Amino acid sequence: MTVEVFASTEDLENRRKYVESVTKAMSPLAEYQYVHKNALLRLNHKLTPQQAAEYEKVLKSL
């Protein structure tokens, strides 16, 4: 799990798009990504969708 916090929405979106492009190109690096405010939460793809949703729920509560 990785949480990245950004000073601007633009920086966050640039990073999110970059990470997404890399992980889509290499399936072993696939991950769940969730955005809330200025934070990007990245979770390992080995989690079940239900487990990832729990992390998303906590992130959205912050």
PDB file of N, CA and C in Angstrom:
ATOM      1  N   MET A   1       0.848  -1.174   0.000  1.00  0.00           N
ATOM      2  CA  MET A   1       0.000   0.000   0.000  1.00  0.00           C
ATOM      3  C   MET A   1       0.894   1.238   0.000  1.00  0.00           C
ATOM      4  N   THR A   2       0.479   2.207  -0.797  1.00  0.00           N
ATOM      5  CA  THR A   2       1.186   3.477  -0.862  1.00  0.00           C
ATOM      6  C   THR A   2       0.163   4.610  -0.823  1.00  0.00           C
ATOM      7  N   VAL A   3       0.456   5.631  -0.025  1.00  0.00           N
ATOM      8  CA  VAL A   3      -0.362   6.841  -0.023  1.00  0.00           C
ATOM      9  C   VAL A   3       0.550   7.986  -0.429  1.00  0.00           C
ATOM     10  N   GLU A   4       0.147   8.685  -1.478  1.00  0.00           N
ATOM     11  CA  GLU A   4       0.912   9.843  -1.948  1.00  0.00           C
ATOM     12  C   GLU A   4       0.033  11.075  -1.793  1.00  0.00           C
ATOM     13  N   VAL A   5       0.599  12.141  -1.258  1.00  0.00           N
ATOM     14  CA  VAL A   5      -0.137  13.379  -1.035  1.00  0.00           C
ATOM     15  C   VAL A   5       0.503  14.468  -1.892  1.00  0.00           C
ATOM     16  N   PHE A   6      -0.349  15.263  -2.545  1.00  0.00           N
ATOM     17  CA  PHE A   6       0.124  16.256  -3.508  1.00  0.00           C
ATOM     18  C   PHE A   6      -0.318  17.663  -3.131  1.00  0.00           C
ATOM     19  N   ALA A   7       0.471  18.630  -3.570  1.00  0.00           N
ATOM     20  CA  ALA A   7       0.172  20.038  -3.293  1.00  0.00           C
ATOM     21  C   ALA A   7      -0.960  20.552  -4.175  1.00  0.00           C
ATOM     22  N   SER A   8      -1.162  19.926  -5.334  1.00  0.00           N
ATOM     23  CA  SER A   8      -2.207  20.395  -6.245  1.00  0.00           C
ATOM     24  C   SER A   8      -2.914  19.212  -6.908  1.00  0.00           C
ATOM     25  N   THR A   9      -4.121  19.477  -7.358  1.00  0.00           N
ATOM     26  CA  THR A   9      -4.887  18.462  -8.085  1.00  0.00           C
ATOM     27  C   THR A   9      -4.196  18.114  -9.391  1.00  0.00           C
ATOM     28  N   GLU A  10      -3.597  19.101 -10.013  1.00  0.00           N
ATOM     29  CA  GLU A  10      -2.879  18.863 -11.275  1.00  0.00           C
ATOM     30  C   GLU A  10      -1.719  17.881 -11.064  1.00  0.00           C
ATOM     31  N   ASP A  11      -0.943  18.085 -10.010  1.00  0.00           N
ATOM     32  CA  ASP A  11       0.165  17.164  -9.709  1.00  0.00           C
ATOM     33  C   ASP A  11      -0.361  15.751  -9.439  1.00  0.00           C
ATOM     34  N   LEU A  12      -1.447  15.670  -8.688  1.00  0.00           N
ATOM     35  CA  LEU A  12      -2.039  14.371  -8.376  1.00  0.00           C
ATOM     36  C   LEU A  12      -2.475  13.667  -9.658  1.00  0.00           C
ATOM     37  N   GLU A  13      -3.187  14.353 -10.527  1.00  0.00           N
ATOM     38  CA  GLU A  13      -3.670  13.741 -11.763  1.00  0.00           C
ATOM     39  C   GLU A  13      -2.526  13.331 -12.686  1.00  0.00           C
ATOM     40  N   ASN A  14      -1.485  14.140 -12.761  1.00  0.00           N
ATOM     41  CA  ASN A  14      -0.325  13.769 -13.572  1.00  0.00           C
ATOM     42  C   ASN A  14       0.320  12.489 -13.053  1.00  0.00           C
ATOM     43  N   ARG A  15       0.473  12.387 -11.761  1.00  0.00           N
ATOM     44  CA  ARG A  15       1.064  11.194 -11.159  1.00  0.00           C
ATOM     45  C   ARG A  15       0.154   9.981 -11.344  1.00  0.00           C
ATOM     46  N   ARG A  16      -1.141  10.159 -11.101  1.00  0.00           N
ATOM     47  CA  ARG A  16      -2.096   9.059 -11.248  1.00  0.00           C
ATOM     48  C   ARG A  16      -2.076   8.506 -12.670  1.00  0.00           C
ATOM     49  N   LYS A  17      -2.085   9.393 -13.644  1.00  0.00           N
ATOM     50  CA  LYS A  17      -2.059   8.961 -15.052  1.00  0.00           C
ATOM     51  C   LYS A  17      -0.764   8.249 -15.392  1.00  0.00           C
ATOM     52  N   TYR A  18       0.351   8.763 -14.874  1.00  0.00           N
ATOM     53  CA  TYR A  18       1.642   8.118 -15.127  1.00  0.00           C
ATOM     54  C   TYR A  18       1.680   6.708 -14.531  1.00  0.00           C
ATOM     55  N   VAL A  19       1.312   6.586 -13.272  1.00  0.00           N
ATOM     56  CA  VAL A  19       1.327   5.282 -12.603  1.00  0.00           C
ATOM     57  C   VAL A  19       0.381   4.318 -13.315  1.00  0.00           C
ATOM     58  N   GLU A  20      -0.774   4.802 -13.689  1.00  0.00           N
ATOM     59  CA  GLU A  20      -1.745   3.961 -14.394  1.00  0.00           C
ATOM     60  C   GLU A  20      -1.174   3.461 -15.717  1.00  0.00           C
ATOM     61  N   SER A  21      -0.486   4.311 -16.452  1.00  0.00           N
ATOM     62  CA  SER A  21       0.081   3.897 -17.739  1.00  0.00           C
ATOM     63  C   SER A  21       1.162   2.832 -17.560  1.00  0.00           C
ATOM     64  N   VAL A  22       1.958   2.960 -16.520  1.00  0.00           N
ATOM     65  CA  VAL A  22       3.013   1.976 -16.259  1.00  0.00           C
ATOM     66  C   VAL A  22       2.412   0.651 -15.804  1.00  0.00           C
ATOM     67  N   THR A  23       1.476   0.706 -14.892  1.00  0.00           N
ATOM     68  CA  THR A  23       0.918  -0.537 -14.345  1.00  0.00           C
ATOM     69  C   THR A  23       0.054  -1.274 -15.363  1.00  0.00           C
ATOM     70  N   LYS A  24      -0.616  -0.555 -16.259  1.00  0.00           N
ATOM     71  CA  LYS A  24      -1.403  -1.223 -17.299  1.00  0.00           C
ATOM     72  C   LYS A  24      -0.502  -1.921 -18.303  1.00  0.00           C
ATOM     73  N   ALA A  25       0.671  -1.373 -18.527  1.00  0.00           N
ATOM     74  CA  ALA A  25       1.604  -1.960 -19.486  1.00  0.00           C
ATOM     75  C   ALA A  25       2.257  -3.226 -18.943  1.00  0.00           C
ATOM     76  N   MET A  26       2.313  -3.365 -17.624  1.00  0.00           N
ATOM     77  CA  MET A  26       2.953  -4.525 -16.990  1.00  0.00           C
ATOM     78  C   MET A  26       2.001  -5.109 -15.955  1.00  0.00           C
ATOM     79  N   SER A  27       1.272  -6.138 -16.337  1.00  0.00           N
ATOM     80  CA  SER A  27       0.236  -6.675 -15.455  1.00  0.00           C
ATOM     81  C   SER A  27       0.721  -7.104 -14.070  1.00  0.00           C
ATOM     82  N   PRO A  28       1.976  -7.573 -13.884  1.00  0.00           N
ATOM     83  CA  PRO A  28       2.391  -7.894 -12.518  1.00  0.00           C
ATOM     84  C   PRO A  28       2.410  -6.674 -11.590  1.00  0.00           C
ATOM     85  N   LEU A  29       2.414  -5.500 -12.178  1.00  0.00           N
ATOM     86  CA  LEU A  29       2.417  -4.266 -11.379  1.00  0.00           C
ATOM     87  C   LEU A  29       1.017  -3.684 -11.190  1.00  0.00           C
ATOM     88  N   ALA A  30       0.012  -4.364 -11.692  1.00  0.00           N
ATOM     89  CA  ALA A  30      -1.360  -3.851 -11.619  1.00  0.00           C
ATOM     90  C   ALA A  30      -1.725  -3.525 -10.171  1.00  0.00           C
ATOM     91  N   GLU A  31      -2.546  -2.501 -10.012  1.00  0.00           N
ATOM     92  CA  GLU A  31      -2.941  -2.084  -8.674  1.00  0.00           C
ATOM     93  C   GLU A  31      -4.267  -1.361  -8.708  1.00  0.00           C
ATOM     94  N   TYR A  32      -4.870  -1.267  -7.557  1.00  0.00           N
ATOM     95  CA  TYR A  32      -6.052  -0.439  -7.375  1.00  0.00           C
ATOM     96  C   TYR A  32      -5.565   0.970  -7.082  1.00  0.00           C
ATOM     97  N   GLN A  33      -6.278   1.968  -7.602  1.00  0.00           N
ATOM     98  CA  GLN A  33      -5.954   3.364  -7.310  1.00  0.00           C
ATOM     99  C   GLN A  33      -7.226   4.083  -6.891  1.00  0.00           C
ATOM    100  N   TYR A  34      -7.114   4.842  -5.820  1.00  0.00           N
ATOM    101  CA  TYR A  34      -8.237   5.643  -5.338  1.00  0.00           C
ATOM    102  C   TYR A  34      -7.735   7.043  -5.037  1.00  0.00           C
ATOM    103  N   VAL A  35      -8.557   8.042  -5.382  1.00  0.00           N
ATOM    104  CA  VAL A  35      -8.213   9.440  -5.149  1.00  0.00           C
ATOM    105  C   VAL A  35      -9.239  10.043  -4.205  1.00  0.00           C
ATOM    106  N   HIS A  36      -8.745  10.797  -3.246  1.00  0.00           N
ATOM    107  CA  HIS A  36      -9.614  11.577  -2.363  1.00  0.00           C
ATOM    108  C   HIS A  36      -8.883  12.850  -1.998  1.00  0.00           C
ATOM    109  N   LYS A  37      -9.531  13.969  -2.314  1.00  0.00           N
ATOM    110  CA  LYS A  37      -8.932  15.288  -2.094  1.00  0.00           C
ATOM    111  C   LYS A  37      -7.566  15.326  -2.766  1.00  0.00           C
ATOM    112  N   ASN A  38      -6.482  15.501  -1.997  1.00  0.00           N
ATOM    113  CA  ASN A  38      -5.151  15.588  -2.602  1.00  0.00           C
ATOM    114  C   ASN A  38      -4.314  14.325  -2.363  1.00  0.00           C
ATOM    115  N   ALA A  39      -4.986  13.201  -2.100  1.00  0.00           N
ATOM    116  CA  ALA A  39      -4.273  11.955  -1.801  1.00  0.00           C
ATOM    117  C   ALA A  39      -4.568  10.890  -2.855  1.00  0.00           C
ATOM    118  N   LEU A  40      -3.532  10.140  -3.182  1.00  0.00           N
ATOM    119  CA  LEU A  40      -3.633   9.004  -4.094  1.00  0.00           C
ATOM    120  C   LEU A  40      -3.278   7.749  -3.303  1.00  0.00           C
ATOM    121  N   LEU A  41      -4.234   6.850  -3.198  1.00  0.00           N
ATOM    122  CA  LEU A  41      -4.031   5.579  -2.506  1.00  0.00           C
ATOM    123  C   LEU A  41      -3.816   4.506  -3.559  1.00  0.00           C
ATOM    124  N   ARG A  42      -2.700   3.780  -3.443  1.00  0.00           N
ATOM    125  CA  ARG A  42      -2.356   2.711  -4.376  1.00  0.00           C
ATOM    126  C   ARG A  42      -2.273   1.397  -3.606  1.00  0.00           C
ATOM    127  N   LEU A  43      -3.032   0.398  -4.081  1.00  0.00           N
ATOM    128  CA  LEU A  43      -3.104  -0.889  -3.397  1.00  0.00           C
ATOM    129  C   LEU A  43      -2.697  -2.018  -4.332  1.00  0.00           C
ATOM    130  N   ASN A  44      -2.040  -3.010  -3.782  1.00  0.00           N
ATOM    131  CA  ASN A  44      -1.605  -4.172  -4.539  1.00  0.00           C
ATOM    132  C   ASN A  44      -2.801  -4.902  -5.138  1.00  0.00           C
ATOM    133  N   HIS A  45      -2.630  -5.387  -6.352  1.00  0.00           N
ATOM    134  CA  HIS A  45      -3.712  -6.091  -7.051  1.00  0.00           C
ATOM    135  C   HIS A  45      -4.044  -7.449  -6.436  1.00  0.00           C
ATOM    136  N   LYS A  46      -3.230  -7.907  -5.502  1.00  0.00           N
ATOM    137  CA  LYS A  46      -3.490  -9.195  -4.855  1.00  0.00           C
ATOM    138  C   LYS A  46      -4.635  -9.114  -3.853  1.00  0.00           C
ATOM    139  N   LEU A  47      -5.015  -7.899  -3.482  1.00  0.00           N
ATOM    140  CA  LEU A  47      -6.194  -7.737  -2.622  1.00  0.00           C
ATOM    141  C   LEU A  47      -7.442  -8.096  -3.419  1.00  0.00           C
ATOM    142  N   THR A  48      -8.442  -8.580  -2.735  1.00  0.00           N
ATOM    143  CA  THR A  48      -9.720  -8.816  -3.407  1.00  0.00           C
ATOM    144  C   THR A  48     -10.402  -7.462  -3.630  1.00  0.00           C
ATOM    145  N   PRO A  49     -11.340  -7.404  -4.562  1.00  0.00           N
ATOM    146  CA  PRO A  49     -12.071  -6.150  -4.745  1.00  0.00           C
ATOM    147  C   PRO A  49     -12.757  -5.687  -3.455  1.00  0.00           C
ATOM    148  N   GLN A  50     -13.237  -6.630  -2.658  1.00  0.00           N
ATOM    149  CA  GLN A  50     -13.891  -6.272  -1.397  1.00  0.00           C
ATOM    150  C   GLN A  50     -12.888  -5.656  -0.418  1.00  0.00           C
ATOM    151  N   GLN A  51     -11.687  -6.219  -0.355  1.00  0.00           N
ATOM    152  CA  GLN A  51     -10.656  -5.667   0.532  1.00  0.00           C
ATOM    153  C   GLN A  51     -10.258  -4.266   0.073  1.00  0.00           C
ATOM    154  N   ALA A  52     -10.076  -4.095  -1.221  1.00  0.00           N
ATOM    155  CA  ALA A  52      -9.711  -2.779  -1.752  1.00  0.00           C
ATOM    156  C   ALA A  52     -10.805  -1.763  -1.459  1.00  0.00           C
ATOM    157  N   ALA A  53     -12.057  -2.183  -1.562  1.00  0.00           N
ATOM    158  CA  ALA A  53     -13.180  -1.286  -1.289  1.00  0.00           C
ATOM    159  C   ALA A  53     -13.180  -0.813   0.163  1.00  0.00           C
ATOM    160  N   GLU A  54     -12.735  -1.664   1.072  1.00  0.00           N
ATOM    161  CA  GLU A  54     -12.642  -1.268   2.484  1.00  0.00           C
ATOM    162  C   GLU A  54     -11.602  -0.154   2.663  1.00  0.00           C
ATOM    163  N   TYR A  55     -10.482  -0.283   1.987  1.00  0.00           N
ATOM    164  CA  TYR A  55      -9.469   0.774   2.043  1.00  0.00           C
ATOM    165  C   TYR A  55     -10.026   2.075   1.455  1.00  0.00           C
ATOM    166  N   GLU A  56     -10.736   1.971   0.347  1.00  0.00           N
ATOM    167  CA  GLU A  56     -11.324   3.148  -0.273  1.00  0.00           C
ATOM    168  C   GLU A  56     -12.298   3.820   0.689  1.00  0.00           C
ATOM    169  N   LYS A  57     -13.082   3.026   1.368  1.00  0.00           N
ATOM    170  CA  LYS A  57     -14.065   3.552   2.333  1.00  0.00           C
ATOM    171  C   LYS A  57     -13.373   4.357   3.424  1.00  0.00           C
ATOM    172  N   VAL A  58     -12.271   3.823   3.952  1.00  0.00           N
ATOM    173  CA  VAL A  58     -11.518   4.533   4.989  1.00  0.00           C
ATOM    174  C   VAL A  58     -10.938   5.825   4.427  1.00  0.00           C
ATOM    175  N   LEU A  59     -10.356   5.765   3.228  1.00  0.00           N
ATOM    176  CA  LEU A  59      -9.785   6.959   2.608  1.00  0.00           C
ATOM    177  C   LEU A  59     -10.849   8.042   2.463  1.00  0.00           C
ATOM    178  N   LYS A  60     -12.014   7.686   1.979  1.00  0.00           N
ATOM    179  CA  LYS A  60     -13.085   8.667   1.758  1.00  0.00           C
ATOM    180  C   LYS A  60     -13.611   9.256   3.064  1.00  0.00           C
ATOM    181  N   SER A  61     -13.384   8.561   4.183  1.00  0.00           N
ATOM    182  CA  SER A  61     -13.858   9.075   5.469  1.00  0.00           C
ATOM    183  C   SER A  61     -12.920  10.124   6.059  1.00  0.00           C
ATOM    184  N   LEU A  62     -11.741  10.279   5.493  1.00  0.00           N
ATOM    185  CA  LEU A  62     -10.763  11.227   6.023  1.00  0.00           C
ATOM    186  C   LEU A  62     -11.066  12.644   5.620  1.00  0.00           C
TER     187      LEU A  62
END
